C-alpha atoms as a PDB file:
ATOM      1  CA  MET A   1       8.436 -39.926 -23.293  1.00  0.00           C
ATOM      2  CA  ILE A   2       7.597 -36.233 -23.067  1.00  0.00           C
ATOM      3  CA  PHE A   3       4.753 -36.125 -25.549  1.00  0.00           C
ATOM      4  CA  ASP A   4       2.396 -38.806 -26.786  1.00  0.00           C
ATOM      5  CA  LYS A   5      -0.488 -37.632 -28.940  1.00  0.00           C
ATOM      6  CA  ASN A   6      -2.475 -40.742 -28.027  1.00  0.00           C
ATOM      7  CA  LYS A   7      -2.443 -39.909 -24.317  1.00  0.00           C
ATOM      8  CA  GLU A   8      -4.863 -37.477 -22.809  1.00  0.00           C
ATOM      9  CA  LYS A   9      -2.234 -35.263 -21.219  1.00  0.00           C
ATOM     10  CA  ASN A  10       1.405 -34.494 -21.877  1.00  0.00           C
ATOM     11  CA  VAL A  11       3.833 -35.942 -19.373  1.00  0.00           C
ATOM     12  CA  ASN A  12       5.612 -33.194 -17.472  1.00  0.00           C
ATOM     13  CA  ALA A  13       9.080 -32.416 -18.726  1.00  0.00           C
ATOM     14  CA  THR A  14      11.640 -30.044 -17.424  1.00  0.00           C
ATOM     15  CA  LEU A  15      12.532 -26.924 -19.341  1.00  0.00           C
ATOM     16  CA  SER A  16      16.115 -28.213 -19.371  1.00  0.00           C
ATOM     17  CA  ASP A  17      14.935 -31.408 -21.111  1.00  0.00           C
ATOM     18  CA  ILE A  18      13.233 -29.369 -23.835  1.00  0.00           C
ATOM     19  CA  VAL A  19      16.206 -27.034 -24.347  1.00  0.00           C
ATOM     20  CA  ARG A  20      18.625 -29.986 -24.343  1.00  0.00           C
ATOM     21  CA  GLY A  21      16.489 -31.759 -26.961  1.00  0.00           C
ATOM     22  CA  MET A  22      16.383 -28.658 -29.209  1.00  0.00           C
ATOM     23  CA  LEU A  23      20.142 -28.156 -28.849  1.00  0.00           C
ATOM     24  CA  HIS A  24      20.701 -31.804 -29.801  1.00  0.00           C
ATOM     25  CA  SER A  25      18.559 -31.301 -32.918  1.00  0.00           C
ATOM     26  CA  VAL A  26      20.589 -28.269 -33.958  1.00  0.00           C
ATOM     27  CA  ASN A  27      23.893 -30.103 -33.357  1.00  0.00           C
ATOM     28  CA  CYS A  28      22.651 -32.950 -35.562  1.00  0.00           C
ATOM     29  CA  SER A  29      22.616 -30.487 -38.477  1.00  0.00           C
ATOM     30  CA  GLN A  30      26.456 -30.288 -38.224  1.00  0.00           C
ATOM     31  CA  GLU A  31      26.686 -34.072 -38.270  1.00  0.00           C
ATOM     32  CA  ILE A  32      24.547 -34.138 -41.423  1.00  0.00           C
ATOM     33  CA  LEU A  33      26.887 -31.596 -43.011  1.00  0.00           C
ATOM     34  CA  ASP A  34      29.922 -33.734 -42.136  1.00  0.00           C
ATOM     35  CA  GLN A  35      28.227 -36.790 -43.636  1.00  0.00           C
ATOM     36  CA  HIS A  36      27.495 -34.782 -46.795  1.00  0.00           C
ATOM     37  CA  PHE A  37      31.211 -34.132 -47.452  1.00  0.00           C
ATOM     38  CA  ASN A  38      32.090 -37.755 -46.653  1.00  0.00           C
ATOM     39  CA  LYS A  39      29.490 -38.949 -49.167  1.00  0.00           C
ATOM     40  CA  ILE A  40      30.983 -36.670 -51.851  1.00  0.00           C
ATOM     41  CA  ILE A  41      34.375 -38.227 -51.316  1.00  0.00           C
ATOM     42  CA  GLU A  42      32.942 -41.779 -51.405  1.00  0.00           C
ATOM     43  CA  LYS A  43      31.030 -40.981 -54.581  1.00  0.00           C
ATOM     44  CA  TYR A  44      34.003 -39.680 -56.592  1.00  0.00           C
ATOM     45  CA  PHE A  45      36.766 -42.099 -55.475  1.00  0.00           C
ATOM     46  CA  ASN A  46      37.341 -45.776 -56.109  1.00  0.00           C
ATOM     47  CA  SER A  47      37.681 -48.123 -53.138  1.00  0.00           C
ATOM     48  CA  ASP A  48      41.492 -48.097 -53.617  1.00  0.00           C
ATOM     49  CA  GLY A  49      41.573 -44.312 -53.091  1.00  0.00           C
ATOM     50  CA  THR A  50      42.113 -43.316 -56.733  1.00  0.00           C
ATOM     51  CA  PRO A  51      39.821 -40.637 -58.127  1.00  0.00           C
ATOM     52  CA  ILE A  52      37.175 -41.565 -60.653  1.00  0.00           C
ATOM     53  CA  THR A  53      38.179 -39.781 -63.861  1.00  0.00           C
ATOM     54  CA  LYS A  54      36.774 -38.986 -67.266  1.00  0.00           C
ATOM     55  CA  SER A  55      38.827 -38.482 -70.430  1.00  0.00           C
ATOM     56  CA  PHE A  56      37.968 -35.538 -72.632  1.00  0.00           C
ATOM     57  CA  ASN A  57      39.427 -34.719 -76.091  1.00  0.00           C
ATOM     58  CA  VAL A  58      40.791 -31.195 -76.215  1.00  0.00           C
ATOM     59  CA  ASP A  59      41.397 -31.473 -79.943  1.00  0.00           C
ATOM     60  CA  SER A  60      42.261 -34.277 -82.380  1.00  0.00           C
ATOM     61  CA  GLU A  61      45.696 -34.863 -80.808  1.00  0.00           C
ATOM     62  CA  ARG A  62      45.333 -33.913 -77.149  1.00  0.00           C
ATOM     63  CA  CYS A  63      43.117 -35.201 -74.397  1.00  0.00           C
ATOM     64  CA  VAL A  64      42.849 -34.561 -70.723  1.00  0.00           C
ATOM     65  CA  GLU A  65      41.987 -36.930 -67.855  1.00  0.00           C
ATOM     66  CA  ILE A  66      39.928 -35.059 -65.293  1.00  0.00           C
ATOM     67  CA  PRO A  67      39.013 -36.290 -61.803  1.00  0.00           C
ATOM     68  CA  LEU A  68      35.216 -35.933 -61.630  1.00  0.00           C
ATOM     69  CA  ILE A  69      35.425 -34.493 -58.129  1.00  0.00           C
ATOM     70  CA  THR A  70      37.051 -31.347 -59.591  1.00  0.00           C
ATOM     71  CA  LEU A  71      33.916 -30.689 -61.695  1.00  0.00           C
ATOM     72  CA  ILE A  72      31.489 -30.436 -58.802  1.00  0.00           C
ATOM     73  CA  ASN A  73      30.789 -27.570 -56.454  1.00  0.00           C
ATOM     74  CA  PRO A  74      31.237 -29.027 -52.969  1.00  0.00           C
ATOM     75  CA  SER A  75      29.397 -26.246 -51.181  1.00  0.00           C
ATOM     76  CA  ALA A  76      26.529 -27.173 -48.903  1.00  0.00           C
ATOM     77  CA  LEU A  77      23.736 -25.668 -46.881  1.00  0.00           C
ATOM     78  CA  ALA A  78      24.241 -25.156 -43.161  1.00  0.00           C
ATOM     79  CA  LEU A  79      21.811 -24.120 -40.479  1.00  0.00           C
ATOM     80  CA  LYS A  80      22.302 -20.413 -39.894  1.00  0.00           C
ATOM     81  CA  GLU A  81      19.524 -19.585 -37.532  1.00  0.00           C
ATOM     82  CA  ILE A  82      16.583 -21.241 -35.824  1.00  0.00           C
ATOM     83  CA  ASP A  83      13.646 -19.499 -34.210  1.00  0.00           C
ATOM     84  CA  LEU A  84      11.523 -21.613 -31.941  1.00  0.00           C
ATOM     85  CA  GLU A  85       8.303 -20.324 -30.534  1.00  0.00           C
ATOM     86  CA  MET A  86       6.336 -22.231 -27.957  1.00  0.00           C
ATOM     87  CA  SER A  87       4.280 -21.441 -24.909  1.00  0.00           C
ATOM     88  CA  LEU A  88       4.971 -23.362 -21.763  1.00  0.00           C
ATOM     89  CA  HIS A  89       3.015 -23.641 -18.577  1.00  0.00           C
ATOM     90  CA  ILE A  90       5.148 -23.912 -15.441  1.00  0.00           C
ATOM     91  CA  ASP A  91       3.589 -26.832 -13.573  1.00  0.00           C
ATOM     92  CA  GLN A  92       6.117 -27.085 -10.774  1.00  0.00           C
ATOM     93  CA  VAL A  93       9.377 -25.521  -9.629  1.00  0.00           C
ATOM     94  CA  ASN A  94      11.878 -27.654  -7.763  1.00  0.00           C
ATOM     95  CA  VAL A  95      15.189 -26.759  -6.203  1.00  0.00           C
ATOM     96  CA  LYS A  96      17.982 -29.117  -7.180  1.00  0.00           C
ATOM     97  CA  LYS A  97      21.370 -29.262  -5.530  1.00  0.00           C
ATOM     98  CA  HIS A  98      24.486 -29.794  -7.602  1.00  0.00           C
ATOM     99  CA  ILE A  99      27.611 -30.841  -5.755  1.00  0.00           C
ATOM    100  CA  CYS A 100      30.792 -29.750  -7.492  1.00  0.00           C
ATOM    101  CA  SER A 101      34.125 -31.521  -7.301  1.00  0.00           C
ATOM    102  CA  ASN A 102      35.015 -29.386  -4.324  1.00  0.00           C
ATOM    103  CA  LEU A 103      32.763 -30.689  -1.514  1.00  0.00           C
ATOM    104  CA  ALA A 104      32.381 -27.183  -0.150  1.00  0.00           C
ATOM    105  CA  ASP A 105      30.698 -26.038  -3.398  1.00  0.00           C
ATOM    106  CA  ILE A 106      27.031 -26.940  -3.351  1.00  0.00           C
ATOM    107  CA  LEU A 107      25.005 -24.982  -5.875  1.00  0.00           C
ATOM    108  CA  ASP A 108      21.235 -24.678  -5.797  1.00  0.00           C
ATOM    109  CA  ARG A 109      19.341 -24.257  -9.050  1.00  0.00           C
ATOM    110  CA  GLY A 110      15.733 -24.182 -10.079  1.00  0.00           C
ATOM    111  CA  SER A 111      14.209 -26.946 -12.149  1.00  0.00           C
ATOM    112  CA  PHE A 112      11.009 -26.077 -13.992  1.00  0.00           C
ATOM    113  CA  ASN A 113       8.510 -28.823 -14.802  1.00  0.00           C
ATOM    114  CA  VAL A 114       6.583 -27.534 -17.793  1.00  0.00           C
ATOM    115  CA  SER A 115       3.886 -28.537 -20.264  1.00  0.00           C
ATOM    116  CA  VAL A 116       3.268 -27.160 -23.734  1.00  0.00           C
ATOM    117  CA  VAL A 117       0.168 -24.945 -23.974  1.00  0.00           C
ATOM    118  CA  PRO A 118      -1.498 -23.006 -26.796  1.00  0.00           C
ATOM    119  CA  SER A 119       0.207 -19.756 -27.688  1.00  0.00           C
ATOM    120  CA  ASN A 120      -1.336 -16.532 -26.438  1.00  0.00           C
ATOM    121  CA  LYS A 121      -1.127 -15.174 -29.985  1.00  0.00           C
ATOM    122  CA  SER A 122      -3.553 -17.639 -31.503  1.00  0.00           C
ATOM    123  CA  ASN A 123      -6.558 -19.094 -29.724  1.00  0.00           C
ATOM    124  CA  ASP A 124      -7.071 -21.758 -32.384  1.00  0.00           C
ATOM    125  CA  LYS A 125      -3.596 -23.228 -31.957  1.00  0.00           C
ATOM    126  CA  GLN A 126      -3.386 -26.678 -30.395  1.00  0.00           C
ATOM    127  CA  SER A 127      -1.106 -27.290 -27.452  1.00  0.00           C
ATOM    128  CA  ASP A 128       0.925 -29.891 -29.359  1.00  0.00           C
ATOM    129  CA  MET A 129       2.016 -27.371 -32.014  1.00  0.00           C
ATOM    130  CA  VAL A 130       5.313 -25.502 -31.968  1.00  0.00           C
ATOM    131  CA  ASP A 131       6.378 -22.835 -34.472  1.00  0.00           C
ATOM    132  CA  ILE A 132       9.875 -23.414 -35.851  1.00  0.00           C
ATOM    133  CA  SER A 133      11.548 -21.213 -38.421  1.00  0.00           C
ATOM    134  CA  MET A 134      14.910 -22.275 -39.810  1.00  0.00           C
ATOM    135  CA  LYS A 135      17.240 -20.253 -42.033  1.00  0.00           C
ATOM    136  CA  PHE A 136      20.001 -21.890 -43.993  1.00  0.00           C
ATOM    137  CA  ARG A 137      23.055 -20.400 -45.691  1.00  0.00           C
ATOM    138  CA  ALA A 138      25.306 -21.702 -48.395  1.00  0.00           C
ATOM    139  CA  ILE A 139      28.761 -22.438 -47.044  1.00  0.00           C
ATOM    140  CA  GLU A 140      32.018 -22.969 -48.826  1.00  0.00           C
ATOM    141  CA  PRO A 141      33.925 -26.171 -48.206  1.00  0.00           C
ATOM    142  CA  SER A 142      36.500 -26.213 -45.446  1.00  0.00           C
ATOM    143  CA  GLU A 143      40.083 -25.147 -46.226  1.00  0.00           C
ATOM    144  CA  GLY A 144      41.133 -28.805 -46.089  1.00  0.00           C
ATOM    145  CA  VAL A 145      38.579 -29.783 -48.745  1.00  0.00           C
ATOM    146  CA  SER A 146      39.584 -26.799 -50.908  1.00  0.00           C
ATOM    147  CA  ARG A 147      43.292 -27.676 -50.714  1.00  0.00           C
ATOM    148  CA  PHE A 148      42.484 -31.303 -51.445  1.00  0.00           C
ATOM    149  CA  LEU A 149      40.602 -30.339 -54.611  1.00  0.00           C
ATOM    150  CA  ASP A 150      43.344 -27.870 -55.625  1.00  0.00           C
ATOM    151  CA  GLU A 151      45.901 -30.693 -55.665  1.00  0.00           C
ATOM    152  CA  PHE A 152      43.810 -32.598 -58.188  1.00  0.00           C
ATOM    153  CA  ILE A 153      43.205 -29.485 -60.277  1.00  0.00           C
ATOM    154  CA  LYS A 154      46.977 -28.759 -60.438  1.00  0.00           C
ATOM    155  CA  LYS A 155      47.562 -32.216 -61.950  1.00  0.00           C
ATOM    156  CA  ILE A 156      45.155 -31.681 -64.835  1.00  0.00           C
ATOM    157  CA  SER A 157      47.092 -31.094 -68.057  1.00  0.00           C
ATOM    158  CA  PRO A 158      46.523 -32.089 -71.649  1.00  0.00           C
ATOM    159  CA  ARG A 159      48.531 -35.042 -72.955  1.00  0.00           C
ATOM    160  CA  HIS A 160      49.002 -36.578 -76.355  1.00  0.00           C
ATOM    161  CA  CYS A 161      46.427 -39.199 -77.143  1.00  0.00           C
ATOM    162  CA  GLU A 162      45.878 -41.579 -80.001  1.00  0.00           C
ATOM    163  CA  PRO A 163      43.496 -40.316 -82.686  1.00  0.00           C
ATOM    164  CA  ASN A 164      40.140 -42.061 -82.879  1.00  0.00           C
ATOM    165  CA  LYS A 165      39.986 -44.731 -85.535  1.00  0.00           C
ATOM    166  CA  ASP A 166      36.290 -44.424 -86.294  1.00  0.00           C
END
């Protein structure tokens, strides 16, 4: 555990751990987007794969059966940009060796043990606070989703239907 508010002091973490954790969080936004499109498909299709449809009367003699998925806008919001602002205190610098597949290649790299500290900008800021600003953008569905919807739209055409006997 890197941070535990109930403890007196943060456990040292490496800068790489923090960056890796932030990168993982950003990558999760893409997984959420993928799940969004899967949920749309599940919502508008029966378990046998047929689309859920609704019949509409065009006039007294013609009606049209429309797949409900063609009536929705499948766009979504995606993470466009994230700004993360935190102040870190470098507690320790270590040199780590990384051995590549070629035994002759041994690379040295620095490893920074850090702890979160209050920002220099604000003296009243607590050390366990991080400023995060996220910007989202509306995105159009993928080409595959668009083509998929187009195939259903092409099949929509009025047909003769029995008049209502009300």
